[in-house]
Amino acid sequence: MSLRALVAVAVDAVSTERPCASLGMANTDAEPIRLEDVGPYVRAQLPFDEEVALPNPPTISASFLDVLQLRRSAETFAPIAAEDIAAWLHYTLAIRAVNSDDPNRQRRYVASFGALHPTHILLGDPNGTWRAYVPERRVLGTLRVDAASAQALRARAQECFQTRDATLVALLADSDFAAHYYENPLSLMLRDGGVLLGHAALVAAALGLGFRILGGTGSPFAERLVPDLAFRPVATGLAWIGSGRAA
């Protein structure tokens, strides 16, 4: 096949891409390389209009085998209560220990490459409000977002699975942070998003919440969602979460 024909095939593949296909998979073949002697680095924060402290989470009594039996991709959703989203966020991303030599390396409930946890969880409520979790301070911050990007992102998620009352979960990774520790970190960030969503689904099942992982990263709309970010964002995953046991 000629070079021109190969280019034509590639263009056709892009133009006919399914709406729910991942849009962030370019340039993932380069092997990540862990950098040595990286020096200090301050983790960038999201810009919030206001912050609300979260309540202490309840104790989860279900066994791991129980949770595996309960986990399903939800078919129906109801609006999620504030205490439920707080508990889900805690058991998904809460910080349990900090490395004494480098506070950027943290032990959380979910695993992450290099113990770095470069991914932010953004939550889009059905009423249009967007918030994000700050595990360092155990607060939920309200974000000022680009309205067109927010609308397009929710529309993209609806193409994957339609729901009126669910909260949209968007994962946004800090590529500058990851690049401080690794050369070619893109594939690591994308895999990190997958691990995070898988863990989040199990937590949702343990709490009796509806959860559904969607077949897309949210790129490019998630990456344009929050104006004036202090880092270069990479969208790494989408999901729906809501009240009621997953069906």
Protein backbone atom coordinates (compact mmCIF):
# COMPACT_ATOMS: atom_id res chain seq x y z
CA MET A 1 0.00 0.00 0.00
CA SER A 2 1.34 3.45 -0.90
CA LEU A 3 2.11 6.16 1.65
CA ARG A 4 -0.76 8.24 0.27
CA ALA A 5 -3.16 5.33 0.73
CA LEU A 6 -1.96 4.77 4.30
CA VAL A 7 -2.57 8.43 5.12
CA ALA A 8 -6.05 8.22 3.63
CA VAL A 9 -6.87 5.19 5.77
CA ALA A 10 -5.64 6.99 8.90
CA VAL A 11 -7.75 10.07 8.10
CA ASP A 12 -10.83 7.93 7.54
CA ALA A 13 -10.27 6.17 10.86
CA VAL A 14 -10.11 9.48 12.71
CA SER A 15 -13.13 10.96 10.96
CA THR A 16 -15.32 7.92 11.67
CA GLU A 17 -14.23 7.46 15.29
CA ARG A 18 -17.03 6.39 17.61
CA PRO A 19 -18.13 9.19 19.98
CA CYS A 20 -17.23 7.14 23.05
CA ALA A 21 -13.78 6.06 21.86
CA SER A 22 -10.80 7.32 23.83
CA LEU A 23 -9.43 10.56 22.41
CA GLY A 24 -6.19 10.68 24.39
CA MET A 25 -4.30 7.70 23.05
CA ALA A 26 -1.76 9.42 20.76
CA ASN A 27 1.97 9.03 21.37
CA THR A 28 1.68 6.34 24.01
CA ASP A 29 4.31 4.05 22.50
CA ALA A 30 7.28 5.95 23.94
CA GLU A 31 8.63 4.05 26.94
CA PRO A 32 8.31 5.96 30.24
CA ILE A 33 11.66 6.59 31.92
CA ARG A 34 11.89 7.36 35.61
CA LEU A 35 14.09 10.39 36.23
CA GLU A 36 16.65 10.46 39.03
CA ASP A 37 17.52 13.37 41.36
CA VAL A 38 14.42 15.29 40.35
CA GLY A 39 14.59 17.86 43.13
CA PRO A 40 11.66 19.56 44.90
CA TYR A 41 8.41 20.26 43.10
CA VAL A 42 5.21 21.92 44.32
CA ARG A 43 2.04 20.07 43.31
CA ALA A 44 -0.25 22.48 41.44
CA GLN A 45 -3.72 23.15 42.83
CA LEU A 46 -6.99 23.75 41.04
CA PRO A 47 -8.46 27.28 41.22
CA PHE A 48 -11.55 27.26 43.46
CA ASP A 49 -14.21 29.89 44.05
CA GLU A 50 -15.07 28.35 47.41
CA GLU A 51 -14.33 25.25 49.46
CA VAL A 52 -16.58 23.10 51.64
CA ALA A 53 -15.19 20.77 54.31
CA LEU A 54 -16.34 17.16 53.98
CA PRO A 55 -17.80 15.08 56.84
CA ASN A 56 -16.01 12.08 58.28
CA PRO A 57 -16.71 8.95 56.22
CA PRO A 58 -18.71 5.99 57.53
CA THR A 59 -17.06 2.64 58.20
CA ILE A 60 -17.45 0.12 55.37
CA SER A 61 -18.40 -3.28 56.74
CA ALA A 62 -18.72 -5.24 53.48
CA SER A 63 -16.00 -7.80 52.72
CA PHE A 64 -13.95 -7.64 49.55
CA LEU A 65 -15.73 -10.71 48.17
CA ASP A 66 -19.09 -9.04 48.92
CA VAL A 67 -17.99 -5.98 46.97
CA LEU A 68 -16.90 -8.08 43.99
CA GLN A 69 -20.34 -9.69 43.93
CA LEU A 70 -22.10 -6.32 44.17
CA ARG A 71 -20.12 -4.48 41.50
CA ARG A 72 -22.13 -3.86 38.34
CA SER A 73 -22.30 -1.09 35.76
CA ALA A 74 -25.35 0.88 36.83
CA GLU A 75 -28.31 1.18 34.46
CA THR A 76 -30.29 3.74 36.45
CA PHE A 77 -29.18 6.70 38.58
CA ALA A 78 -30.70 9.04 41.14
CA PRO A 79 -29.14 12.29 42.45
CA ILE A 80 -26.35 11.50 44.89
CA ALA A 81 -26.39 12.80 48.47
CA ALA A 82 -23.54 14.98 49.75
CA GLU A 83 -22.53 12.46 52.43
CA ASP A 84 -22.38 9.67 49.84
CA ILE A 85 -20.11 11.57 47.47
CA ALA A 86 -17.91 12.53 50.45
CA ALA A 87 -17.55 8.88 51.51
CA TRP A 88 -16.83 7.76 47.95
CA LEU A 89 -14.14 10.43 47.51
CA HIS A 90 -12.53 9.53 50.84
CA TYR A 91 -12.17 5.82 50.12
CA THR A 92 -11.02 6.57 46.59
CA LEU A 93 -8.41 9.30 47.04
CA ALA A 94 -7.82 10.10 50.72
CA ILE A 95 -4.17 10.45 51.76
CA ARG A 96 -3.11 7.82 54.32
CA ALA A 97 0.64 8.55 54.55
CA VAL A 98 3.21 10.92 53.04
CA ASN A 99 6.79 10.11 52.08
CA SER A 100 9.19 11.88 54.46
CA ASP A 101 11.72 12.61 51.70
CA ASP A 102 9.24 13.78 49.06
CA PRO A 103 5.72 14.78 50.19
CA ASN A 104 4.50 14.47 46.60
CA ARG A 105 4.76 10.69 46.99
CA GLN A 106 1.72 9.61 48.96
CA ARG A 107 -0.02 6.44 50.06
CA ARG A 108 -3.73 6.56 49.27
CA TYR A 109 -6.44 3.93 49.13
CA VAL A 110 -5.88 3.65 45.36
CA ALA A 111 -2.51 2.71 43.83
CA SER A 112 -0.60 5.06 41.51
CA PHE A 113 2.68 4.92 39.57
CA GLY A 114 5.57 6.16 41.71
CA ALA A 115 3.02 6.88 44.48
CA LEU A 116 2.49 10.22 42.69
CA HIS A 117 -1.29 10.40 42.13
CA PRO A 118 -1.24 13.07 39.38
CA THR A 119 -5.00 12.82 38.70
CA HIS A 120 -7.70 15.22 39.91
CA ILE A 121 -11.31 14.03 40.22
CA LEU A 122 -13.74 16.64 38.85
CA LEU A 123 -17.48 16.25 39.48
CA GLY A 124 -20.12 17.72 37.19
CA ASP A 125 -23.52 17.85 38.89
CA PRO A 126 -26.73 17.68 36.82
CA ASN A 127 -27.42 21.35 37.68
CA GLY A 128 -24.22 22.44 35.92
CA THR A 129 -22.05 22.97 39.00
CA TRP A 130 -18.50 21.59 38.82
CA ARG A 131 -16.45 20.69 41.88
CA ALA A 132 -13.19 18.90 42.65
CA TYR A 133 -11.81 16.98 45.61
CA VAL A 134 -8.72 18.20 47.50
CA PRO A 135 -7.43 15.24 49.54
CA GLU A 136 -4.74 17.31 51.26
CA ARG A 137 -7.42 19.41 52.97
CA ARG A 138 -10.42 17.02 52.77
CA VAL A 139 -12.54 19.65 51.04
CA LEU A 140 -14.67 19.88 47.93
CA GLY A 141 -13.94 23.01 45.91
CA THR A 142 -16.29 24.73 43.46
CA LEU A 143 -14.77 25.42 40.05
CA ARG A 144 -15.41 28.19 37.57
CA VAL A 145 -15.67 26.43 34.21
CA ASP A 146 -15.99 27.23 30.53
CA ALA A 147 -19.72 26.77 29.84
CA ALA A 148 -19.31 25.55 26.27
CA SER A 149 -16.73 22.92 27.25
CA ALA A 150 -18.88 21.77 30.19
CA GLN A 151 -21.92 21.37 27.96
CA ALA A 152 -19.92 19.52 25.29
CA LEU A 153 -18.35 17.21 27.87
CA ARG A 154 -21.69 16.21 29.36
CA ALA A 155 -23.11 15.73 25.85
CA ARG A 156 -20.17 13.45 25.01
CA ALA A 157 -20.85 11.42 28.15
CA GLN A 158 -24.54 11.17 27.24
CA GLU A 159 -23.55 9.66 23.90
CA CYS A 160 -21.83 6.88 25.82
CA PHE A 161 -24.74 6.31 28.23
CA GLN A 162 -27.82 8.47 28.72
CA THR A 163 -28.82 9.57 32.21
CA ARG A 164 -30.45 12.71 33.56
CA ASP A 165 -29.66 12.61 37.28
CA ALA A 166 -26.11 11.21 37.53
CA THR A 167 -23.04 13.22 38.43
CA LEU A 168 -20.30 13.15 35.80
CA VAL A 169 -16.86 12.05 37.02
CA ALA A 170 -14.01 13.46 34.91
CA LEU A 171 -10.37 12.56 35.54
CA LEU A 172 -7.83 15.28 34.76
CA ALA A 173 -4.14 14.48 35.13
CA ASP A 174 -1.38 17.03 35.73
CA SER A 175 1.09 16.29 32.93
CA ASP A 176 3.66 18.80 34.20
CA PHE A 177 3.74 17.05 37.56
CA ALA A 178 4.16 13.63 35.95
CA ALA A 179 6.84 14.94 33.58
CA HIS A 180 8.88 16.19 36.54
CA TYR A 181 9.35 12.56 37.62
CA TYR A 182 9.11 10.64 34.33
CA GLU A 183 10.13 11.16 30.74
CA ASN A 184 7.32 10.16 28.34
CA PRO A 185 4.68 9.88 31.11
CA LEU A 186 1.55 9.86 28.91
CA SER A 187 0.97 6.11 28.94
CA LEU A 188 1.47 6.09 32.72
CA MET A 189 -1.17 8.79 33.20
CA LEU A 190 -3.69 6.96 31.02
CA ARG A 191 -3.12 3.69 32.86
CA ASP A 192 -3.32 5.54 36.16
CA GLY A 193 -6.76 6.79 35.15
CA GLY A 194 -7.90 3.24 34.43
CA VAL A 195 -6.69 1.99 37.80
CA LEU A 196 -8.42 4.90 39.52
CA LEU A 197 -11.75 4.23 37.80
CA GLY A 198 -11.58 0.51 38.59
CA HIS A 199 -10.91 1.25 42.26
CA ALA A 200 -13.66 3.89 42.31
CA ALA A 201 -16.16 1.37 40.92
CA LEU A 202 -15.41 -1.05 43.78
CA VAL A 203 -15.76 1.72 46.36
CA ALA A 204 -19.10 2.71 44.86
CA ALA A 205 -20.29 -0.89 45.10
CA ALA A 206 -19.21 -1.08 48.76
CA LEU A 207 -21.22 2.08 49.50
CA GLY A 208 -24.29 0.95 47.54
CA LEU A 209 -23.86 3.65 44.88
CA GLY A 210 -24.48 3.45 41.16
CA PHE A 211 -21.33 3.75 39.04
CA ARG A 212 -20.67 3.33 35.34
CA ILE A 213 -17.30 3.74 33.59
CA LEU A 214 -17.65 5.35 30.16
CA GLY A 215 -15.68 4.49 27.04
CA GLY A 216 -13.86 7.78 26.63
CA THR A 217 -11.39 10.07 28.32
CA GLY A 218 -13.32 13.32 27.88
CA SER A 219 -10.64 14.86 25.68
CA PRO A 220 -10.56 17.59 24.47
CA PHE A 221 -13.50 19.07 26.35
CA ALA A 222 -12.33 18.06 29.85
CA GLU A 223 -8.93 19.63 29.12
CA ARG A 224 -10.64 22.94 28.23
CA LEU A 225 -13.09 22.79 31.13
CA VAL A 226 -11.23 24.86 33.75
CA PRO A 227 -9.72 28.13 32.46
CA ASP A 228 -6.29 29.32 33.63
CA LEU A 229 -5.02 26.02 34.99
CA ALA A 230 -1.52 26.11 36.46
CA PHE A 231 -0.61 22.88 34.61
CA ARG A 232 -1.09 21.19 31.24
CA PRO A 233 -4.07 18.86 31.71
CA VAL A 234 -4.59 15.42 30.18
CA ALA A 235 -8.07 13.88 30.32
CA THR A 236 -7.81 10.23 31.39
CA GLY A 237 -11.33 8.94 32.02
CA LEU A 238 -15.07 9.50 32.48
CA ALA A 239 -17.76 7.83 34.57
CA TRP A 240 -21.27 8.39 35.94
CA ILE A 241 -22.01 8.17 39.66
CA GLY A 242 -25.34 8.41 41.43
CA SER A 243 -27.42 7.25 44.35
CA GLY A 244 -28.89 3.77 44.56
CA ARG A 245 -27.30 0.35 44.37
CA ALA A 246 -25.65 -0.43 41.05
CA ALA A 247 -27.87 -2.54 38.83
